[in-house]
PDB file of all heavy atoms in Angstrom:
ATOM      1  N   ALA A   1      11.207  -9.014 -12.530  1.00  0.00           N
ATOM      2  CA  ALA A   1       9.856  -8.870 -11.983  1.00  0.00           C
ATOM      3  C   ALA A   1       8.849  -8.416 -13.028  1.00  0.00           C
ATOM      4  O   ALA A   1       7.656  -8.300 -12.721  1.00  0.00           O
ATOM      5  CB  ALA A   1       9.875  -7.886 -10.829  1.00  0.00           C
ATOM      6  N   SER A   2       9.320  -8.145 -14.254  1.00  0.00           N
ATOM      7  CA  SER A   2       8.456  -7.669 -15.356  1.00  0.00           C
ATOM      8  C   SER A   2       7.710  -6.395 -14.959  1.00  0.00           C
ATOM      9  O   SER A   2       6.490  -6.269 -15.118  1.00  0.00           O
ATOM     10  CB  SER A   2       7.458  -8.761 -15.764  1.00  0.00           C
ATOM     11  OG  SER A   2       8.126  -9.904 -16.225  1.00  0.00           O
ATOM     12  N   ILE A   3       8.471  -5.424 -14.420  1.00  0.00           N
ATOM     13  CA  ILE A   3       7.903  -4.132 -14.057  1.00  0.00           C
ATOM     14  C   ILE A   3       8.763  -3.025 -14.654  1.00  0.00           C
ATOM     15  O   ILE A   3       9.905  -3.267 -15.069  1.00  0.00           O
ATOM     16  CB  ILE A   3       7.818  -3.958 -12.530  1.00  0.00           C
ATOM     17  CG1 ILE A   3       9.206  -4.124 -11.887  1.00  0.00           C
ATOM     18  CG2 ILE A   3       6.834  -4.947 -11.906  1.00  0.00           C
ATOM     19  CD1 ILE A   3       9.221  -3.913 -10.384  1.00  0.00           C
ATOM     20  N   ASP A   4       8.226  -1.815 -14.702  1.00  0.00           N
ATOM     21  CA  ASP A   4       8.987  -0.683 -15.241  1.00  0.00           C
ATOM     22  C   ASP A   4       8.999   0.488 -14.265  1.00  0.00           C
ATOM     23  O   ASP A   4       9.035   1.654 -14.664  1.00  0.00           O
ATOM     24  CB  ASP A   4       8.424  -0.243 -16.594  1.00  0.00           C
ATOM     25  CG  ASP A   4       6.943   0.135 -16.523  1.00  0.00           C
ATOM     26  OD1 ASP A   4       6.360   0.090 -15.415  1.00  0.00           O
ATOM     27  OD2 ASP A   4       6.375   0.498 -17.568  1.00  0.00           O
ATOM     28  N   THR A   5       8.987   0.187 -12.977  1.00  0.00           N
ATOM     29  CA  THR A   5       8.993   1.220 -11.941  1.00  0.00           C
ATOM     30  C   THR A   5      10.283   2.034 -11.988  1.00  0.00           C
ATOM     31  O   THR A   5      11.367   1.489 -12.191  1.00  0.00           O
ATOM     32  CB  THR A   5       8.853   0.569 -10.545  1.00  0.00           C
ATOM     33  OG1 THR A   5       7.710  -0.276 -10.536  1.00  0.00           O
ATOM     34  CG2 THR A   5       8.707   1.632  -9.462  1.00  0.00           C
ATOM     35  N   GLU A   6      10.145   3.359 -11.810  1.00  0.00           N
ATOM     36  CA  GLU A   6      11.313   4.227 -11.701  1.00  0.00           C
ATOM     37  C   GLU A   6      11.602   4.467 -10.222  1.00  0.00           C
ATOM     38  O   GLU A   6      10.704   4.445  -9.376  1.00  0.00           O
ATOM     39  CB  GLU A   6      11.045   5.569 -12.398  1.00  0.00           C
ATOM     40  CG  GLU A   6      10.642   5.452 -13.868  1.00  0.00           C
ATOM     41  CD  GLU A   6      11.816   5.092 -14.761  1.00  0.00           C
ATOM     42  OE1 GLU A   6      12.907   4.776 -14.238  1.00  0.00           O
ATOM     43  OE2 GLU A   6      11.645   5.126 -15.988  1.00  0.00           O
ATOM     44  N   TYR A   7      12.891   4.747  -9.907  1.00  0.00           N
ATOM     45  CA  TYR A   7      13.287   4.885  -8.513  1.00  0.00           C
ATOM     46  C   TYR A   7      14.137   6.136  -8.289  1.00  0.00           C
ATOM     47  O   TYR A   7      14.918   6.536  -9.162  1.00  0.00           O
ATOM     48  CB  TYR A   7      14.109   3.672  -8.059  1.00  0.00           C
ATOM     49  CG  TYR A   7      13.429   2.351  -8.309  1.00  0.00           C
ATOM     50  CD1 TYR A   7      13.868   1.506  -9.334  1.00  0.00           C
ATOM     51  CD2 TYR A   7      12.349   1.945  -7.533  1.00  0.00           C
ATOM     52  CE1 TYR A   7      13.249   0.296  -9.569  1.00  0.00           C
ATOM     53  CE2 TYR A   7      11.721   0.727  -7.762  1.00  0.00           C
ATOM     54  CZ  TYR A   7      12.177  -0.083  -8.778  1.00  0.00           C
ATOM     55  OH  TYR A   7      11.552  -1.279  -9.013  1.00  0.00           O
ATOM     56  N   ALA A   8      13.969   6.722  -7.123  1.00  0.00           N
ATOM     57  CA  ALA A   8      14.884   7.749  -6.619  1.00  0.00           C
ATOM     58  C   ALA A   8      15.797   7.064  -5.618  1.00  0.00           C
ATOM     59  O   ALA A   8      15.318   6.497  -4.626  1.00  0.00           O
ATOM     60  CB  ALA A   8      14.108   8.884  -5.966  1.00  0.00           C
ATOM     61  N   ILE A   9      17.106   7.080  -5.892  1.00  0.00           N
ATOM     62  CA  ILE A   9      18.073   6.340  -5.077  1.00  0.00           C
ATOM     63  C   ILE A   9      19.088   7.304  -4.479  1.00  0.00           C
ATOM     64  O   ILE A   9      19.635   8.161  -5.175  1.00  0.00           O
ATOM     65  CB  ILE A   9      18.808   5.279  -5.921  1.00  0.00           C
ATOM     66  CG1 ILE A   9      17.798   4.318  -6.564  1.00  0.00           C
ATOM     67  CG2 ILE A   9      19.815   4.521  -5.072  1.00  0.00           C
ATOM     68  CD1 ILE A   9      18.417   3.318  -7.515  1.00  0.00           C
ATOM     69  N   ARG A  10      19.309   7.172  -3.179  1.00  0.00           N
ATOM     70  CA  ARG A  10      20.333   7.956  -2.487  1.00  0.00           C
ATOM     71  C   ARG A  10      21.319   6.985  -1.839  1.00  0.00           C
ATOM     72  O   ARG A  10      20.914   6.103  -1.079  1.00  0.00           O
ATOM     73  CB  ARG A  10      19.705   8.856  -1.426  1.00  0.00           C
ATOM     74  CG  ARG A  10      20.735   9.696  -0.649  1.00  0.00           C
ATOM     75  CD  ARG A  10      20.066  10.492   0.452  1.00  0.00           C
ATOM     76  NE  ARG A  10      19.175  11.480  -0.105  1.00  0.00           N
ATOM     77  CZ  ARG A  10      19.530  12.708  -0.466  1.00  0.00           C
ATOM     78  NH1 ARG A  10      20.803  13.079  -0.333  1.00  0.00           N
ATOM     79  NH2 ARG A  10      18.663  13.555  -0.954  1.00  0.00           N
ATOM     80  N   LEU A  11      22.597   7.162  -2.152  1.00  0.00           N
ATOM     81  CA  LEU A  11      23.649   6.283  -1.629  1.00  0.00           C
ATOM     82  C   LEU A  11      24.665   7.112  -0.852  1.00  0.00           C
ATOM     83  O   LEU A  11      25.286   8.021  -1.400  1.00  0.00           O
ATOM     84  CB  LEU A  11      24.342   5.545  -2.774  1.00  0.00           C
ATOM     85  CG  LEU A  11      25.587   4.725  -2.422  1.00  0.00           C
ATOM     86  CD1 LEU A  11      25.258   3.616  -1.433  1.00  0.00           C
ATOM     87  CD2 LEU A  11      26.236   4.159  -3.686  1.00  0.00           C
ATOM     88  N   GLU A  12      24.819   6.795   0.422  1.00  0.00           N
ATOM     89  CA  GLU A  12      25.817   7.429   1.273  1.00  0.00           C
ATOM     90  C   GLU A  12      26.916   6.409   1.531  1.00  0.00           C
ATOM     91  O   GLU A  12      26.690   5.397   2.207  1.00  0.00           O
ATOM     92  CB  GLU A  12      25.185   7.870   2.591  1.00  0.00           C
ATOM     93  CG  GLU A  12      26.120   8.620   3.509  1.00  0.00           C
ATOM     94  CD  GLU A  12      26.320  10.077   3.130  1.00  0.00           C
ATOM     95  OE1 GLU A  12      25.532  10.593   2.313  1.00  0.00           O
ATOM     96  OE2 GLU A  12      27.280  10.690   3.641  1.00  0.00           O
ATOM     97  N   LYS A  13      28.109   6.665   0.987  1.00  0.00           N
ATOM     98  CA  LYS A  13      29.179   5.693   1.085  1.00  0.00           C
ATOM     99  C   LYS A  13      30.145   6.009   2.217  1.00  0.00           C
ATOM    100  O   LYS A  13      30.587   7.138   2.376  1.00  0.00           O
ATOM    101  CB  LYS A  13      29.961   5.605  -0.232  1.00  0.00           C
ATOM    102  CG  LYS A  13      29.205   4.849  -1.325  1.00  0.00           C
ATOM    103  CD  LYS A  13      30.143   4.331  -2.407  1.00  0.00           C
ATOM    104  CE  LYS A  13      31.061   3.248  -1.928  1.00  0.00           C
ATOM    105  NZ  LYS A  13      30.360   1.998  -1.525  1.00  0.00           N
ATOM    106  N   LYS A  14      30.465   4.957   2.992  1.00  0.00           N
ATOM    107  CA  LYS A  14      31.532   5.011   3.978  1.00  0.00           C
ATOM    108  C   LYS A  14      32.602   3.970   3.674  1.00  0.00           C
ATOM    109  O   LYS A  14      33.717   4.068   4.157  1.00  0.00           O
ATOM    110  CB  LYS A  14      30.965   4.781   5.379  1.00  0.00           C
ATOM    111  CG  LYS A  14      30.045   5.899   5.856  1.00  0.00           C
ATOM    112  CD  LYS A  14      29.579   5.667   7.282  1.00  0.00           C
ATOM    113  CE  LYS A  14      28.684   6.801   7.764  1.00  0.00           C
ATOM    114  NZ  LYS A  14      28.199   6.572   9.153  1.00  0.00           N
ATOM    115  N   ILE A  15      32.235   2.950   2.869  1.00  0.00           N
ATOM    116  CA  ILE A  15      33.194   1.933   2.449  1.00  0.00           C
ATOM    117  C   ILE A  15      33.998   2.491   1.278  1.00  0.00           C
ATOM    118  O   ILE A  15      33.412   2.905   0.270  1.00  0.00           O
ATOM    119  CB  ILE A  15      32.479   0.640   2.020  1.00  0.00           C
ATOM    120  CG1 ILE A  15      31.575   0.124   3.149  1.00  0.00           C
ATOM    121  CG2 ILE A  15      33.485  -0.425   1.616  1.00  0.00           C
ATOM    122  CD1 ILE A  15      30.672  -1.025   2.729  1.00  0.00           C
ATOM    123  N   PRO A  16      35.310   2.543   1.378  1.00  0.00           N
ATOM    124  CA  PRO A  16      36.116   3.105   0.283  1.00  0.00           C
ATOM    125  C   PRO A  16      35.928   2.326  -1.023  1.00  0.00           C
ATOM    126  O   PRO A  16      35.661   1.123  -1.024  1.00  0.00           O
ATOM    127  CB  PRO A  16      37.557   2.962   0.787  1.00  0.00           C
ATOM    128  CG  PRO A  16      37.442   2.780   2.265  1.00  0.00           C
ATOM    129  CD  PRO A  16      36.149   2.083   2.503  1.00  0.00           C
ATOM    130  N   ILE A  17      36.072   3.036  -2.131  1.00  0.00           N
ATOM    131  CA  ILE A  17      35.976   2.428  -3.462  1.00  0.00           C
ATOM    132  C   ILE A  17      37.345   1.861  -3.856  1.00  0.00           C
ATOM    133  O   ILE A  17      38.390   2.432  -3.556  1.00  0.00           O
ATOM    134  CB  ILE A  17      35.513   3.475  -4.493  1.00  0.00           C
ATOM    135  CG1 ILE A  17      34.084   3.929  -4.149  1.00  0.00           C
ATOM    136  CG2 ILE A  17      35.564   2.917  -5.908  1.00  0.00           C
ATOM    137  CD1 ILE A  17      33.577   5.062  -5.032  1.00  0.00           C
ATOM    138  N   GLY A  18      37.326   0.705  -4.537  1.00  0.00           N
ATOM    139  CA  GLY A  18      38.576   0.089  -4.972  1.00  0.00           C
ATOM    140  C   GLY A  18      39.413  -0.409  -3.824  1.00  0.00           C
ATOM    141  O   GLY A  18      40.653  -0.434  -3.890  1.00  0.00           O
ATOM    142  N   ALA A  19      38.726  -0.852  -2.745  1.00  0.00           N
ATOM    143  CA  ALA A  19      39.433  -1.241  -1.528  1.00  0.00           C
ATOM    144  C   ALA A  19      39.496  -2.744  -1.321  1.00  0.00           C
ATOM    145  O   ALA A  19      40.157  -3.216  -0.402  1.00  0.00           O
ATOM    146  CB  ALA A  19      38.757  -0.598  -0.311  1.00  0.00           C
ATOM    147  N   GLY A  20      38.773  -3.526  -2.144  1.00  0.00           N
ATOM    148  CA  GLY A  20      38.722  -4.965  -1.924  1.00  0.00           C
ATOM    149  C   GLY A  20      37.871  -5.342  -0.731  1.00  0.00           C
ATOM    150  O   GLY A  20      38.060  -6.398  -0.133  1.00  0.00           O
ATOM    151  N   LEU A  21      36.909  -4.473  -0.396  1.00  0.00           N
ATOM    152  CA  LEU A  21      36.035  -4.706   0.750  1.00  0.00           C
ATOM    153  C   LEU A  21      34.601  -5.039   0.337  1.00  0.00           C
ATOM    154  O   LEU A  21      33.723  -5.144   1.194  1.00  0.00           O
ATOM    155  CB  LEU A  21      36.036  -3.474   1.672  1.00  0.00           C
ATOM    156  CG  LEU A  21      37.360  -3.173   2.376  1.00  0.00           C
ATOM    157  CD1 LEU A  21      37.272  -1.841   3.125  1.00  0.00           C
ATOM    158  CD2 LEU A  21      37.723  -4.300   3.340  1.00  0.00           C
ATOM    159  N   GLY A  22      34.348  -5.178  -0.945  1.00  0.00           N
ATOM    160  CA  GLY A  22      33.020  -5.558  -1.392  1.00  0.00           C
ATOM    161  C   GLY A  22      31.987  -4.459  -1.277  1.00  0.00           C
ATOM    162  O   GLY A  22      30.786  -4.741  -1.202  1.00  0.00           O
ATOM    163  N   GLY A  23      32.413  -3.205  -1.266  1.00  0.00           N
ATOM    164  CA  GLY A  23      31.469  -2.099  -1.130  1.00  0.00           C
ATOM    165  C   GLY A  23      30.439  -2.055  -2.248  1.00  0.00           C
ATOM    166  O   GLY A  23      29.241  -1.961  -1.994  1.00  0.00           O
ATOM    167  N   GLY A  24      30.901  -2.150  -3.492  1.00  0.00           N
ATOM    168  CA  GLY A  24      29.971  -2.124  -4.625  1.00  0.00           C
ATOM    169  C   GLY A  24      29.058  -3.329  -4.626  1.00  0.00           C
ATOM    170  O   GLY A  24      27.855  -3.215  -4.908  1.00  0.00           O
ATOM    171  N   SER A  25      29.600  -4.491  -4.292  1.00  0.00           N
ATOM    172  CA  SER A  25      28.790  -5.712  -4.265  1.00  0.00           C
ATOM    173  C   SER A  25      27.730  -5.652  -3.164  1.00  0.00           C
ATOM    174  O   SER A  25      26.591  -6.077  -3.359  1.00  0.00           O
ATOM    175  CB  SER A  25      29.687  -6.938  -4.050  1.00  0.00           C
ATOM    176  OG  SER A  25      30.579  -7.106  -5.133  1.00  0.00           O
ATOM    177  N   SER A  26      28.108  -5.128  -1.996  1.00  0.00           N
ATOM    178  CA  SER A  26      27.128  -5.022  -0.911  1.00  0.00           C
ATOM    179  C   SER A  26      26.042  -4.014  -1.265  1.00  0.00           C
ATOM    180  O   SER A  26      24.867  -4.203  -0.919  1.00  0.00           O
ATOM    181  CB  SER A  26      27.818  -4.638   0.399  1.00  0.00           C
ATOM    182  OG  SER A  26      28.394  -3.353   0.324  1.00  0.00           O
ATOM    183  N   ASN A  27      26.407  -2.946  -1.974  1.00  0.00           N
ATOM    184  CA  ASN A  27      25.401  -1.982  -2.422  1.00  0.00           C
ATOM    185  C   ASN A  27      24.422  -2.621  -3.396  1.00  0.00           C
ATOM    186  O   ASN A  27      23.209  -2.380  -3.332  1.00  0.00           O
ATOM    187  CB  ASN A  27      26.072  -0.787  -3.093  1.00  0.00           C
ATOM    188  CG  ASN A  27      26.915   0.059  -2.161  1.00  0.00           C
ATOM    189  OD1 ASN A  27      27.779   0.798  -2.603  1.00  0.00           O
ATOM    190  ND2 ASN A  27      26.689  -0.061  -0.856  1.00  0.00           N
ATOM    191  N   ALA A  28      24.937  -3.441  -4.307  1.00  0.00           N
ATOM    192  CA  ALA A  28      24.076  -4.120  -5.273  1.00  0.00           C
ATOM    193  C   ALA A  28      23.123  -5.079  -4.569  1.00  0.00           C
ATOM    194  O   ALA A  28      21.925  -5.136  -4.880  1.00  0.00           O
ATOM    195  CB  ALA A  28      24.921  -4.876  -6.301  1.00  0.00           C
ATOM    196  N   ALA A  29      23.651  -5.844  -3.604  1.00  0.00           N
ATOM    197  CA  ALA A  29      22.810  -6.779  -2.865  1.00  0.00           C
ATOM    198  C   ALA A  29      21.749  -6.045  -2.058  1.00  0.00           C
ATOM    199  O   ALA A  29      20.587  -6.464  -2.007  1.00  0.00           O
ATOM    200  CB  ALA A  29      23.677  -7.632  -1.936  1.00  0.00           C
ATOM    201  N   ALA A  30      22.148  -4.948  -1.422  1.00  0.00           N
ATOM    202  CA  ALA A  30      21.182  -4.160  -0.649  1.00  0.00           C
ATOM    203  C   ALA A  30      20.077  -3.619  -1.547  1.00  0.00           C
ATOM    204  O   ALA A  30      18.904  -3.569  -1.149  1.00  0.00           O
ATOM    205  CB  ALA A  30      21.900  -3.014   0.057  1.00  0.00           C
ATOM    206  N   THR A  31      20.434  -3.234  -2.767  1.00  0.00           N
ATOM    207  CA  THR A  31      19.430  -2.731  -3.711  1.00  0.00           C
ATOM    208  C   THR A  31      18.415  -3.817  -4.046  1.00  0.00           C
ATOM    209  O   THR A  31      17.200  -3.574  -4.036  1.00  0.00           O
ATOM    210  CB  THR A  31      20.119  -2.226  -4.992  1.00  0.00           C
ATOM    211  OG1 THR A  31      21.008  -1.156  -4.661  1.00  0.00           O
ATOM    212  CG2 THR A  31      19.103  -1.743  -6.009  1.00  0.00           C
ATOM    213  N   LEU A  32      18.904  -5.016  -4.337  1.00  0.00           N
ATOM    214  CA  LEU A  32      17.985  -6.122  -4.625  1.00  0.00           C
ATOM    215  C   LEU A  32      17.069  -6.403  -3.445  1.00  0.00           C
ATOM    216  O   LEU A  32      15.855  -6.610  -3.604  1.00  0.00           O
ATOM    217  CB  LEU A  32      18.769  -7.379  -4.986  1.00  0.00           C
ATOM    218  CG  LEU A  32      19.545  -7.373  -6.309  1.00  0.00           C
ATOM    219  CD1 LEU A  32      20.328  -8.670  -6.460  1.00  0.00           C
ATOM    220  CD2 LEU A  32      18.604  -7.188  -7.500  1.00  0.00           C
ATOM    221  N   ARG A  33      17.619  -6.407  -2.253  1.00  0.00           N
ATOM    222  CA  ARG A  33      16.826  -6.714  -1.066  1.00  0.00           C
ATOM    223  C   ARG A  33      15.810  -5.607  -0.775  1.00  0.00           C
ATOM    224  O   ARG A  33      14.655  -5.879  -0.415  1.00  0.00           O
ATOM    225  CB  ARG A  33      17.750  -6.934   0.135  1.00  0.00           C
ATOM    226  CG  ARG A  33      18.591  -8.209  -0.001  1.00  0.00           C
ATOM    227  CD  ARG A  33      19.662  -8.325   1.043  1.00  0.00           C
ATOM    228  NE  ARG A  33      19.110  -8.348   2.388  1.00  0.00           N
ATOM    229  CZ  ARG A  33      19.864  -8.516   3.488  1.00  0.00           C
ATOM    230  NH1 ARG A  33      21.166  -8.682   3.365  1.00  0.00           N
ATOM    231  NH2 ARG A  33      19.311  -8.532   4.668  1.00  0.00           N
ATOM    232  N   LEU A  34      16.218  -4.352  -0.938  1.00  0.00           N
ATOM    233  CA  LEU A  34      15.305  -3.234  -0.695  1.00  0.00           C
ATOM    234  C   LEU A  34      14.166  -3.217  -1.708  1.00  0.00           C
ATOM    235  O   LEU A  34      12.998  -2.992  -1.355  1.00  0.00           O
ATOM    236  CB  LEU A  34      16.075  -1.912  -0.748  1.00  0.00           C
ATOM    237  CG  LEU A  34      16.921  -1.574   0.473  1.00  0.00           C
ATOM    238  CD1 LEU A  34      17.808  -0.368   0.178  1.00  0.00           C
ATOM    239  CD2 LEU A  34      16.035  -1.278   1.669  1.00  0.00           C
ATOM    240  N   LEU A  35      14.492  -3.455  -2.967  1.00  0.00           N
ATOM    241  CA  LEU A  35      13.443  -3.469  -3.995  1.00  0.00           C
ATOM    242  C   LEU A  35      12.492  -4.637  -3.774  1.00  0.00           C
ATOM    243  O   LEU A  35      11.284  -4.522  -4.035  1.00  0.00           O
ATOM    244  CB  LEU A  35      14.071  -3.543  -5.389  1.00  0.00           C
ATOM    245  CG  LEU A  35      14.835  -2.287  -5.820  1.00  0.00           C
ATOM    246  CD1 LEU A  35      15.408  -2.465  -7.224  1.00  0.00           C
ATOM    247  CD2 LEU A  35      13.934  -1.056  -5.784  1.00  0.00           C
ATOM    248  N   ASN A  36      13.023  -5.741  -3.296  1.00  0.00           N
ATOM    249  CA  ASN A  36      12.159  -6.881  -3.012  1.00  0.00           C
ATOM    250  C   ASN A  36      11.157  -6.526  -1.901  1.00  0.00           C
ATOM    251  O   ASN A  36       9.978  -6.895  -1.967  1.00  0.00           O
ATOM    252  CB  ASN A  36      13.001  -8.089  -2.602  1.00  0.00           C
ATOM    253  CG  ASN A  36      12.277  -9.394  -2.809  1.00  0.00           C
ATOM    254  OD1 ASN A  36      11.585  -9.588  -3.818  1.00  0.00           O
ATOM    255  ND2 ASN A  36      12.421 -10.320  -1.873  1.00  0.00           N
ATOM    256  N   GLU A  37      11.628  -5.793  -0.893  1.00  0.00           N
ATOM    257  CA  GLU A  37      10.721  -5.336   0.162  1.00  0.00           C
ATOM    258  C   GLU A  37       9.714  -4.327  -0.388  1.00  0.00           C
ATOM    259  O   GLU A  37       8.522  -4.361  -0.045  1.00  0.00           O
ATOM    260  CB  GLU A  37      11.520  -4.709   1.302  1.00  0.00           C
ATOM    261  CG  GLU A  37      12.323  -5.691   2.131  1.00  0.00           C
ATOM    262  CD  GLU A  37      13.006  -5.012   3.303  1.00  0.00           C
ATOM    263  OE1 GLU A  37      12.587  -3.898   3.668  1.00  0.00           O
ATOM    264  OE2 GLU A  37      13.954  -5.601   3.839  1.00  0.00           O
ATOM    265  N   LEU A  38      10.201  -3.425  -1.231  1.00  0.00           N
ATOM    266  CA  LEU A  38       9.335  -2.387  -1.798  1.00  0.00           C
ATOM    267  C   LEU A  38       8.210  -2.992  -2.631  1.00  0.00           C
ATOM    268  O   LEU A  38       7.107  -2.447  -2.701  1.00  0.00           O
ATOM    269  CB  LEU A  38      10.183  -1.443  -2.659  1.00  0.00           C
ATOM    270  CG  LEU A  38       9.545  -0.129  -3.107  1.00  0.00           C
ATOM    271  CD1 LEU A  38       9.234   0.752  -1.899  1.00  0.00           C
ATOM    272  CD2 LEU A  38      10.485   0.609  -4.057  1.00  0.00           C
ATOM    273  N   HIS A  39       8.493  -4.149  -3.225  1.00  0.00           N
ATOM    274  CA  HIS A  39       7.505  -4.826  -4.072  1.00  0.00           C
ATOM    275  C   HIS A  39       6.943  -6.080  -3.383  1.00  0.00           C
ATOM    276  O   HIS A  39       6.653  -7.084  -4.037  1.00  0.00           O
ATOM    277  CB  HIS A  39       8.128  -5.183  -5.417  1.00  0.00           C
ATOM    278  CG  HIS A  39       8.456  -3.972  -6.250  1.00  0.00           C
ATOM    279  ND1 HIS A  39       7.512  -3.268  -6.951  1.00  0.00           N
ATOM    280  CD2 HIS A  39       9.640  -3.342  -6.468  1.00  0.00           C
ATOM    281  CE1 HIS A  39       8.086  -2.251  -7.588  1.00  0.00           C
ATOM    282  NE2 HIS A  39       9.388  -2.278  -7.312  1.00  0.00           N
ATOM    283  N   ASN A  40       6.810  -5.992  -2.064  1.00  0.00           N
ATOM    284  CA  ASN A  40       6.105  -7.023  -1.282  1.00  0.00           C
ATOM    285  C   ASN A  40       6.742  -8.415  -1.386  1.00  0.00           C
ATOM    286  O   ASN A  40       6.051  -9.416  -1.576  1.00  0.00           O
ATOM    287  CB  ASN A  40       4.634  -7.092  -1.696  1.00  0.00           C
ATOM    288  CG  ASN A  40       3.934  -5.760  -1.509  1.00  0.00           C
ATOM    289  OD1 ASN A  40       4.074  -5.122  -0.472  1.00  0.00           O
ATOM    290  ND2 ASN A  40       3.194  -5.322  -2.529  1.00  0.00           N
TER     291      ASN A  40
END
């Protein structure tokens, strides 16, 4: 997006880590979607 915005991020995990459930991937996707909303 050619921006340099800083963010405060809070992550509350219920999906176990290293479980093969895509927890990290879903968090990454949610971040992209949330930032897209934040930037209109």
